Structures are given as C-alpha cells and as structure tokens.
Amino acid sequence: MLFCKLLETTTAPKVIYNELKMFLDANNKSMKNITSSVADGAPIQMGKNNSLKVMEDENPIMLLVHCAIHRENLVAKNFSTILNK
C-alpha cells in the first residue's frame, strides 16, 4: 500500500486522482512508479472518466484490477473444506 488518506469531500474520481497526484508530487515520485491499482467497483470509479482511467493515461503499463476483495471471496468459496475452516 502506498498511503492512506481521508478524503475530505467526496470520492469523485478527480478527488481521488488529485490526492494521489499531490502525494506523489510531495514525495518526488512519478505516476510511472505505480505498477498497479485496485478499485472497489463503486459506480463513480468505474465510468469512462474514473480515477483509474486517468492514472492509466499517465502510465499505460499500469495494471488495473477491479474488485480485488470480491475476487478473493470467489476464490475462497472454491477452496477445500479444510482450508475454509
């Protein structure tokens, strides 16, 4: 995890992107240093102007993942009974 920050206003894509960009700028880091990012699948983040898309525009090789927790839950359902316990 890169950092954790309380969003003061909304979780709009521009707000998320701006917080990330300010953090990177303050720490002399480039968006190109980010190799992957995950969204929780909220509708506001999944549209064509979402924060992940804006990040990908700056770093086309970035791996974007949708709903990591949901994917983990799906995998866990298929584990053996012993592992689920």
PDB file of N, CA and C in Angstrom:
ATOM      1  N   MET A   1       0.844  -1.166   0.000  1.00  0.00           N
ATOM      2  CA  MET A   1       0.000   0.000   0.000  1.00  0.00           C
ATOM      3  C   MET A   1       0.896   1.238   0.000  1.00  0.00           C
ATOM      4  N   LEU A   2       0.548   2.181  -0.818  1.00  0.00           N
ATOM      5  CA  LEU A   2       1.352   3.392  -0.957  1.00  0.00           C
ATOM      6  C   LEU A   2       1.100   4.367   0.191  1.00  0.00           C
ATOM      7  N   PHE A   3      -0.172   4.704   0.418  1.00  0.00           N
ATOM      8  CA  PHE A   3      -0.527   5.584   1.522  1.00  0.00           C
ATOM      9  C   PHE A   3      -2.024   5.498   1.772  1.00  0.00           C
ATOM     10  N   CYS A   4      -2.454   6.019   2.894  1.00  0.00           N
ATOM     11  CA  CYS A   4      -3.865   6.035   3.247  1.00  0.00           C
ATOM     12  C   CYS A   4      -4.210   7.458   3.652  1.00  0.00           C
ATOM     13  N   LYS A   5      -5.301   7.994   3.096  1.00  0.00           N
ATOM     14  CA  LYS A   5      -5.661   9.380   3.386  1.00  0.00           C
ATOM     15  C   LYS A   5      -7.170   9.511   3.416  1.00  0.00           C
ATOM     16  N   LEU A   6      -7.673  10.234   4.395  1.00  0.00           N
ATOM     17  CA  LEU A   6      -9.090  10.522   4.486  1.00  0.00           C
ATOM     18  C   LEU A   6      -9.454  11.540   3.404  1.00  0.00           C
ATOM     19  N   LEU A   7     -10.482  11.246   2.622  1.00  0.00           N
ATOM     20  CA  LEU A   7     -10.944  12.198   1.612  1.00  0.00           C
ATOM     21  C   LEU A   7     -11.901  13.176   2.280  1.00  0.00           C
ATOM     22  N   GLU A   8     -11.570  14.443   2.235  1.00  0.00           N
ATOM     23  CA  GLU A   8     -12.321  15.474   2.956  1.00  0.00           C
ATOM     24  C   GLU A   8     -13.695  15.773   2.348  1.00  0.00           C
ATOM     25  N   THR A   9     -13.843  15.570   1.040  1.00  0.00           N
ATOM     26  CA  THR A   9     -15.105  15.955   0.400  1.00  0.00           C
ATOM     27  C   THR A   9     -15.863  14.741  -0.115  1.00  0.00           C
ATOM     28  N   THR A  10     -15.508  14.265  -1.296  1.00  0.00           N
ATOM     29  CA  THR A  10     -16.218  13.144  -1.911  1.00  0.00           C
ATOM     30  C   THR A  10     -15.203  12.116  -2.400  1.00  0.00           C
ATOM     31  N   THR A  11     -15.722  11.031  -2.948  1.00  0.00           N
ATOM     32  CA  THR A  11     -14.861  10.023  -3.561  1.00  0.00           C
ATOM     33  C   THR A  11     -14.947  10.110  -5.080  1.00  0.00           C
ATOM     34  N   ALA A  12     -15.224  11.293  -5.565  1.00  0.00           N
ATOM     35  CA  ALA A  12     -15.281  11.507  -7.009  1.00  0.00           C
ATOM     36  C   ALA A  12     -13.917  11.183  -7.618  1.00  0.00           C
ATOM     37  N   PRO A  13     -13.908  10.663  -8.839  1.00  0.00           N
ATOM     38  CA  PRO A  13     -12.638  10.289  -9.473  1.00  0.00           C
ATOM     39  C   PRO A  13     -11.588  11.387  -9.460  1.00  0.00           C
ATOM     40  N   LYS A  14     -11.972  12.617  -9.719  1.00  0.00           N
ATOM     41  CA  LYS A  14     -10.995  13.715  -9.732  1.00  0.00           C
ATOM     42  C   LYS A  14     -10.399  13.943  -8.344  1.00  0.00           C
ATOM     43  N   VAL A  15     -11.202  13.800  -7.308  1.00  0.00           N
ATOM     44  CA  VAL A  15     -10.711  13.980  -5.938  1.00  0.00           C
ATOM     45  C   VAL A  15      -9.679  12.906  -5.610  1.00  0.00           C
ATOM     46  N   ILE A  16      -9.991  11.657  -5.934  1.00  0.00           N
ATOM     47  CA  ILE A  16      -9.064  10.556  -5.680  1.00  0.00           C
ATOM     48  C   ILE A  16      -7.764  10.767  -6.447  1.00  0.00           C
ATOM     49  N   TYR A  17      -7.893  11.090  -7.714  1.00  0.00           N
ATOM     50  CA  TYR A  17      -6.705  11.316  -8.540  1.00  0.00           C
ATOM     51  C   TYR A  17      -5.869  12.472  -8.004  1.00  0.00           C
ATOM     52  N   ASN A  18      -6.519  13.586  -7.653  1.00  0.00           N
ATOM     53  CA  ASN A  18      -5.790  14.761  -7.159  1.00  0.00           C
ATOM     54  C   ASN A  18      -5.049  14.461  -5.856  1.00  0.00           C
ATOM     55  N   GLU A  19      -5.662  13.695  -4.955  1.00  0.00           N
ATOM     56  CA  GLU A  19      -4.991  13.317  -3.699  1.00  0.00           C
ATOM     57  C   GLU A  19      -3.757  12.471  -3.986  1.00  0.00           C
ATOM     58  N   LEU A  20      -3.901  11.527  -4.893  1.00  0.00           N
ATOM     59  CA  LEU A  20      -2.765  10.692  -5.260  1.00  0.00           C
ATOM     60  C   LEU A  20      -1.668  11.530  -5.897  1.00  0.00           C
ATOM     61  N   LYS A  21      -2.039  12.391  -6.815  1.00  0.00           N
ATOM     62  CA  LYS A  21      -1.066  13.228  -7.515  1.00  0.00           C
ATOM     63  C   LYS A  21      -0.335  14.149  -6.535  1.00  0.00           C
ATOM     64  N   MET A  22      -1.066  14.740  -5.583  1.00  0.00           N
ATOM     65  CA  MET A  22      -0.422  15.606  -4.581  1.00  0.00           C
ATOM     66  C   MET A  22       0.569  14.817  -3.731  1.00  0.00           C
ATOM     67  N   PHE A  23       0.191  13.586  -3.358  1.00  0.00           N
ATOM     68  CA  PHE A  23       1.086  12.740  -2.572  1.00  0.00           C
ATOM     69  C   PHE A  23       2.350  12.434  -3.369  1.00  0.00           C
ATOM     70  N   LEU A  24       2.180  12.038  -4.615  1.00  0.00           N
ATOM     71  CA  LEU A  24       3.334  11.708  -5.445  1.00  0.00           C
ATOM     72  C   LEU A  24       4.248  12.911  -5.642  1.00  0.00           C
ATOM     73  N   ASP A  25       3.652  14.061  -5.941  1.00  0.00           N
ATOM     74  CA  ASP A  25       4.439  15.278  -6.141  1.00  0.00           C
ATOM     75  C   ASP A  25       5.202  15.672  -4.876  1.00  0.00           C
ATOM     76  N   ALA A  26       4.531  15.569  -3.718  1.00  0.00           N
ATOM     77  CA  ALA A  26       5.160  15.942  -2.450  1.00  0.00           C
ATOM     78  C   ALA A  26       6.336  15.022  -2.107  1.00  0.00           C
ATOM     79  N   ASN A  27       6.295  13.805  -2.633  1.00  0.00           N
ATOM     80  CA  ASN A  27       7.352  12.831  -2.341  1.00  0.00           C
ATOM     81  C   ASN A  27       8.278  12.588  -3.532  1.00  0.00           C
ATOM     82  N   ASN A  28       8.221  13.508  -4.502  1.00  0.00           N
ATOM     83  CA  ASN A  28       9.076  13.431  -5.700  1.00  0.00           C
ATOM     84  C   ASN A  28       9.003  12.075  -6.399  1.00  0.00           C
ATOM     85  N   LYS A  29       7.789  11.576  -6.554  1.00  0.00           N
ATOM     86  CA  LYS A  29       7.556  10.299  -7.236  1.00  0.00           C
ATOM     87  C   LYS A  29       6.731  10.551  -8.495  1.00  0.00           C
ATOM     88  N   SER A  30       6.863   9.643  -9.430  1.00  0.00           N
ATOM     89  CA  SER A  30       6.141   9.742 -10.697  1.00  0.00           C
ATOM     90  C   SER A  30       5.006   8.724 -10.741  1.00  0.00           C
ATOM     91  N   MET A  31       3.960   9.042 -11.465  1.00  0.00           N
ATOM     92  CA  MET A  31       2.867   8.096 -11.667  1.00  0.00           C
ATOM     93  C   MET A  31       3.402   6.831 -12.355  1.00  0.00           C
ATOM     94  N   LYS A  32       4.496   6.977 -13.069  1.00  0.00           N
ATOM     95  CA  LYS A  32       5.100   5.829 -13.759  1.00  0.00           C
ATOM     96  C   LYS A  32       5.681   4.811 -12.772  1.00  0.00           C
ATOM     97  N   ASN A  33       5.873   5.204 -11.505  1.00  0.00           N
ATOM     98  CA  ASN A  33       6.368   4.283 -10.480  1.00  0.00           C
ATOM     99  C   ASN A  33       5.281   3.350  -9.961  1.00  0.00           C
ATOM    100  N   ILE A  34       4.031   3.658 -10.240  1.00  0.00           N
ATOM    101  CA  ILE A  34       2.920   2.836  -9.754  1.00  0.00           C
ATOM    102  C   ILE A  34       2.688   1.716 -10.758  1.00  0.00           C
ATOM    103  N   THR A  35       2.801   0.489 -10.299  1.00  0.00           N
ATOM    104  CA  THR A  35       2.680  -0.647 -11.209  1.00  0.00           C
ATOM    105  C   THR A  35       1.266  -1.195 -11.286  1.00  0.00           C
ATOM    106  N   SER A  36       0.453  -0.973 -10.236  1.00  0.00           N
ATOM    107  CA  SER A  36      -0.918  -1.483 -10.258  1.00  0.00           C
ATOM    108  C   SER A  36      -1.796  -0.681  -9.318  1.00  0.00           C
ATOM    109  N   SER A  37      -3.100  -0.787  -9.551  1.00  0.00           N
ATOM    110  CA  SER A  37      -4.078  -0.103  -8.711  1.00  0.00           C
ATOM    111  C   SER A  37      -5.385  -0.898  -8.731  1.00  0.00           C
ATOM    112  N   VAL A  38      -6.135  -0.791  -7.633  1.00  0.00           N
ATOM    113  CA  VAL A  38      -7.376  -1.548  -7.490  1.00  0.00           C
ATOM    114  C   VAL A  38      -8.515  -0.597  -7.165  1.00  0.00           C
ATOM    115  N   ALA A  39      -9.677  -0.833  -7.785  1.00  0.00           N
ATOM    116  CA  ALA A  39     -10.894  -0.088  -7.448  1.00  0.00           C
ATOM    117  C   ALA A  39     -11.876  -1.052  -6.807  1.00  0.00           C
ATOM    118  N   ASP A  40     -12.725  -0.529  -5.942  1.00  0.00           N
ATOM    119  CA  ASP A  40     -13.686  -1.407  -5.273  1.00  0.00           C
ATOM    120  C   ASP A  40     -14.932  -1.667  -6.113  1.00  0.00           C
ATOM    121  N   GLY A  41     -15.018  -1.052  -7.259  1.00  0.00           N
ATOM    122  CA  GLY A  41     -16.147  -1.300  -8.140  1.00  0.00           C
ATOM    123  C   GLY A  41     -17.301  -0.345  -7.951  1.00  0.00           C
ATOM    124  N   ALA A  42     -17.138   0.668  -7.110  1.00  0.00           N
ATOM    125  CA  ALA A  42     -18.197   1.655  -6.935  1.00  0.00           C
ATOM    126  C   ALA A  42     -18.490   2.315  -8.280  1.00  0.00           C
ATOM    127  N   PRO A  43     -19.762   2.570  -8.598  1.00  0.00           N
ATOM    128  CA  PRO A  43     -20.112   3.144  -9.898  1.00  0.00           C
ATOM    129  C   PRO A  43     -19.340   4.405 -10.258  1.00  0.00           C
ATOM    130  N   ILE A  44     -19.061   5.260  -9.282  1.00  0.00           N
ATOM    131  CA  ILE A  44     -18.361   6.512  -9.562  1.00  0.00           C
ATOM    132  C   ILE A  44     -16.945   6.251 -10.066  1.00  0.00           C
ATOM    133  N   GLN A  45     -16.364   5.121  -9.669  1.00  0.00           N
ATOM    134  CA  GLN A  45     -14.993   4.819 -10.067  1.00  0.00           C
ATOM    135  C   GLN A  45     -14.909   4.016 -11.355  1.00  0.00           C
ATOM    136  N   MET A  46     -16.018   3.509 -11.845  1.00  0.00           N
ATOM    137  CA  MET A  46     -15.956   2.599 -12.968  1.00  0.00           C
ATOM    138  C   MET A  46     -16.339   3.231 -14.312  1.00  0.00           C
ATOM    139  N   GLY A  47     -16.752   4.490 -14.333  1.00  0.00           N
ATOM    140  CA  GLY A  47     -17.120   5.153 -15.577  1.00  0.00           C
ATOM    141  C   GLY A  47     -15.916   5.470 -16.446  1.00  0.00           C
ATOM    142  N   LYS A  48     -16.166   6.033 -17.624  1.00  0.00           N
ATOM    143  CA  LYS A  48     -15.064   6.294 -18.556  1.00  0.00           C
ATOM    144  C   LYS A  48     -14.114   7.376 -18.060  1.00  0.00           C
ATOM    145  N   ASN A  49     -14.550   8.229 -17.130  1.00  0.00           N
ATOM    146  CA  ASN A  49     -13.688   9.279 -16.583  1.00  0.00           C
ATOM    147  C   ASN A  49     -13.229   8.950 -15.170  1.00  0.00           C
ATOM    148  N   ASN A  50     -13.147   7.673 -14.849  1.00  0.00           N
ATOM    149  CA  ASN A  50     -12.801   7.297 -13.481  1.00  0.00           C
ATOM    150  C   ASN A  50     -11.338   7.583 -13.167  1.00  0.00           C
ATOM    151  N   SER A  51     -11.024   7.572 -11.880  1.00  0.00           N
ATOM    152  CA  SER A  51      -9.664   7.913 -11.442  1.00  0.00           C
ATOM    153  C   SER A  51      -8.643   6.904 -11.945  1.00  0.00           C
ATOM    154  N   LEU A  52      -9.016   5.635 -12.056  1.00  0.00           N
ATOM    155  CA  LEU A  52      -8.080   4.638 -12.555  1.00  0.00           C
ATOM    156  C   LEU A  52      -7.761   4.879 -14.022  1.00  0.00           C
ATOM    157  N   LYS A  53      -8.735   5.290 -14.796  1.00  0.00           N
ATOM    158  CA  LYS A  53      -8.509   5.562 -16.217  1.00  0.00           C
ATOM    159  C   LYS A  53      -7.552   6.738 -16.385  1.00  0.00           C
ATOM    160  N   VAL A  54      -7.719   7.769 -15.570  1.00  0.00           N
ATOM    161  CA  VAL A  54      -6.832   8.932 -15.637  1.00  0.00           C
ATOM    162  C   VAL A  54      -5.412   8.516 -15.277  1.00  0.00           C
ATOM    163  N   MET A  55      -5.267   7.657 -14.263  1.00  0.00           N
ATOM    164  CA  MET A  55      -3.944   7.160 -13.881  1.00  0.00           C
ATOM    165  C   MET A  55      -3.336   6.346 -15.019  1.00  0.00           C
ATOM    166  N   GLU A  56      -4.141   5.521 -15.644  1.00  0.00           N
ATOM    167  CA  GLU A  56      -3.654   4.682 -16.744  1.00  0.00           C
ATOM    168  C   GLU A  56      -3.213   5.536 -17.930  1.00  0.00           C
ATOM    169  N   ASP A  57      -3.877   6.655 -18.145  1.00  0.00           N
ATOM    170  CA  ASP A  57      -3.475   7.556 -19.232  1.00  0.00           C
ATOM    171  C   ASP A  57      -2.050   8.067 -19.015  1.00  0.00           C
ATOM    172  N   GLU A  58      -1.673   8.283 -17.748  1.00  0.00           N
ATOM    173  CA  GLU A  58      -0.316   8.748 -17.433  1.00  0.00           C
ATOM    174  C   GLU A  58       0.703   7.615 -17.422  1.00  0.00           C
ATOM    175  N   ASN A  59       0.230   6.388 -17.191  1.00  0.00           N
ATOM    176  CA  ASN A  59       1.123   5.233 -17.119  1.00  0.00           C
ATOM    177  C   ASN A  59       0.427   4.037 -17.784  1.00  0.00           C
ATOM    178  N   PRO A  60       0.547   3.912 -19.100  1.00  0.00           N
ATOM    179  CA  PRO A  60      -0.168   2.873 -19.843  1.00  0.00           C
ATOM    180  C   PRO A  60       0.187   1.436 -19.449  1.00  0.00           C
ATOM    181  N   ILE A  61       1.333   1.209 -18.816  1.00  0.00           N
ATOM    182  CA  ILE A  61       1.677  -0.165 -18.438  1.00  0.00           C
ATOM    183  C   ILE A  61       1.147  -0.546 -17.051  1.00  0.00           C
ATOM    184  N   MET A  62       0.452   0.373 -16.393  1.00  0.00           N
ATOM    185  CA  MET A  62      -0.107   0.109 -15.072  1.00  0.00           C
ATOM    186  C   MET A  62      -1.177  -0.978 -15.168  1.00  0.00           C
ATOM    187  N   LEU A  63      -1.153  -1.929 -14.245  1.00  0.00           N
ATOM    188  CA  LEU A  63      -2.146  -2.989 -14.178  1.00  0.00           C
ATOM    189  C   LEU A  63      -3.302  -2.496 -13.309  1.00  0.00           C
ATOM    190  N   LEU A  64      -4.510  -2.473 -13.870  1.00  0.00           N
ATOM    191  CA  LEU A  64      -5.688  -2.033 -13.134  1.00  0.00           C
ATOM    192  C   LEU A  64      -6.556  -3.245 -12.818  1.00  0.00           C
ATOM    193  N   VAL A  65      -6.950  -3.380 -11.554  1.00  0.00           N
ATOM    194  CA  VAL A  65      -7.735  -4.523 -11.104  1.00  0.00           C
ATOM    195  C   VAL A  65      -9.048  -4.018 -10.522  1.00  0.00           C
ATOM    196  N   HIS A  66     -10.119  -4.707 -10.865  1.00  0.00           N
ATOM    197  CA  HIS A  66     -11.461  -4.348 -10.402  1.00  0.00           C
ATOM    198  C   HIS A  66     -11.894  -5.322  -9.308  1.00  0.00           C
ATOM    199  N   CYS A  67     -12.333  -4.810  -8.191  1.00  0.00           N
ATOM    200  CA  CYS A  67     -12.928  -5.591  -7.097  1.00  0.00           C
ATOM    201  C   CYS A  67     -12.051  -6.721  -6.571  1.00  0.00           C
ATOM    202  N   ALA A  68     -10.901  -6.399  -6.038  1.00  0.00           N
ATOM    203  CA  ALA A  68      -9.976  -7.415  -5.528  1.00  0.00           C
ATOM    204  C   ALA A  68     -10.593  -8.229  -4.395  1.00  0.00           C
ATOM    205  N   ILE A  69     -11.313  -7.598  -3.493  1.00  0.00           N
ATOM    206  CA  ILE A  69     -11.898  -8.319  -2.358  1.00  0.00           C
ATOM    207  C   ILE A  69     -12.965  -9.295  -2.847  1.00  0.00           C
ATOM    208  N   HIS A  70     -13.766  -8.876  -3.822  1.00  0.00           N
ATOM    209  CA  HIS A  70     -14.784  -9.755  -4.390  1.00  0.00           C
ATOM    210  C   HIS A  70     -14.121 -10.974  -5.039  1.00  0.00           C
ATOM    211  N   ARG A  71     -13.024 -10.750  -5.744  1.00  0.00           N
ATOM    212  CA  ARG A  71     -12.305 -11.859  -6.386  1.00  0.00           C
ATOM    213  C   ARG A  71     -11.759 -12.826  -5.342  1.00  0.00           C
ATOM    214  N   GLU A  72     -11.215 -12.293  -4.256  1.00  0.00           N
ATOM    215  CA  GLU A  72     -10.706 -13.159  -3.191  1.00  0.00           C
ATOM    216  C   GLU A  72     -11.829 -14.003  -2.604  1.00  0.00           C
ATOM    217  N   ASN A  73     -13.004 -13.399  -2.432  1.00  0.00           N
ATOM    218  CA  ASN A  73     -14.151 -14.121  -1.893  1.00  0.00           C
ATOM    219  C   ASN A  73     -14.558 -15.261  -2.823  1.00  0.00           C
ATOM    220  N   LEU A  74     -14.567 -15.009  -4.131  1.00  0.00           N
ATOM    221  CA  LEU A  74     -14.923 -16.054  -5.091  1.00  0.00           C
ATOM    222  C   LEU A  74     -13.933 -17.214  -5.043  1.00  0.00           C
ATOM    223  N   VAL A  75     -12.651 -16.905  -4.937  1.00  0.00           N
ATOM    224  CA  VAL A  75     -11.629 -17.950  -4.861  1.00  0.00           C
ATOM    225  C   VAL A  75     -11.789 -18.743  -3.575  1.00  0.00           C
ATOM    226  N   ALA A  76     -12.026 -18.054  -2.471  1.00  0.00           N
ATOM    227  CA  ALA A  76     -12.144 -18.718  -1.173  1.00  0.00           C
ATOM    228  C   ALA A  76     -13.295 -19.723  -1.156  1.00  0.00           C
ATOM    229  N   LYS A  77     -14.362 -19.446  -1.872  1.00  0.00           N
ATOM    230  CA  LYS A  77     -15.509 -20.361  -1.919  1.00  0.00           C
ATOM    231  C   LYS A  77     -15.140 -21.695  -2.557  1.00  0.00           C
ATOM    232  N   ASN A  78     -14.132 -21.694  -3.398  1.00  0.00           N
ATOM    233  CA  ASN A  78     -13.753 -22.914  -4.107  1.00  0.00           C
ATOM    234  C   ASN A  78     -12.611 -23.675  -3.436  1.00  0.00           C
ATOM    235  N   PHE A  79     -12.115 -23.168  -2.308  1.00  0.00           N
ATOM    236  CA  PHE A  79     -11.078 -23.887  -1.577  1.00  0.00           C
ATOM    237  C   PHE A  79     -11.690 -25.119  -0.911  1.00  0.00           C
ATOM    238  N   SER A  80     -10.849 -26.004  -0.510  1.00  0.00           N
ATOM    239  CA  SER A  80     -11.335 -27.204   0.171  1.00  0.00           C
ATOM    240  C   SER A  80     -11.953 -26.843   1.529  1.00  0.00           C
ATOM    241  N   THR A  81     -12.734 -27.717   2.041  1.00  0.00           N
ATOM    242  CA  THR A  81     -13.386 -27.508   3.344  1.00  0.00           C
ATOM    243  C   THR A  81     -12.346 -27.267   4.424  1.00  0.00           C
ATOM    244  N   ILE A  82     -11.260 -27.996   4.391  1.00  0.00           N
ATOM    245  CA  ILE A  82     -10.214 -27.857   5.412  1.00  0.00           C
ATOM    246  C   ILE A  82      -9.624 -26.445   5.383  1.00  0.00           C
ATOM    247  N   LEU A  83      -9.336 -25.923   4.179  1.00  0.00           N
ATOM    248  CA  LEU A  83      -8.773 -24.575   4.088  1.00  0.00           C
ATOM    249  C   LEU A  83      -9.793 -23.511   4.480  1.00  0.00           C
ATOM    250  N   ASN A  84     -11.059 -23.721   4.200  1.00  0.00           N
ATOM    251  CA  ASN A  84     -12.087 -22.736   4.572  1.00  0.00           C
ATOM    252  C   ASN A  84     -12.247 -22.634   6.085  1.00  0.00           C
ATOM    253  N   LYS A  85     -12.007 -23.742   6.800  1.00  0.00           N
ATOM    254  CA  LYS A  85     -12.119 -23.702   8.260  1.00  0.00           C
ATOM    255  C   LYS A  85     -10.978 -22.896   8.816  1.00  0.00           C
TER     256      LYS A  85
END
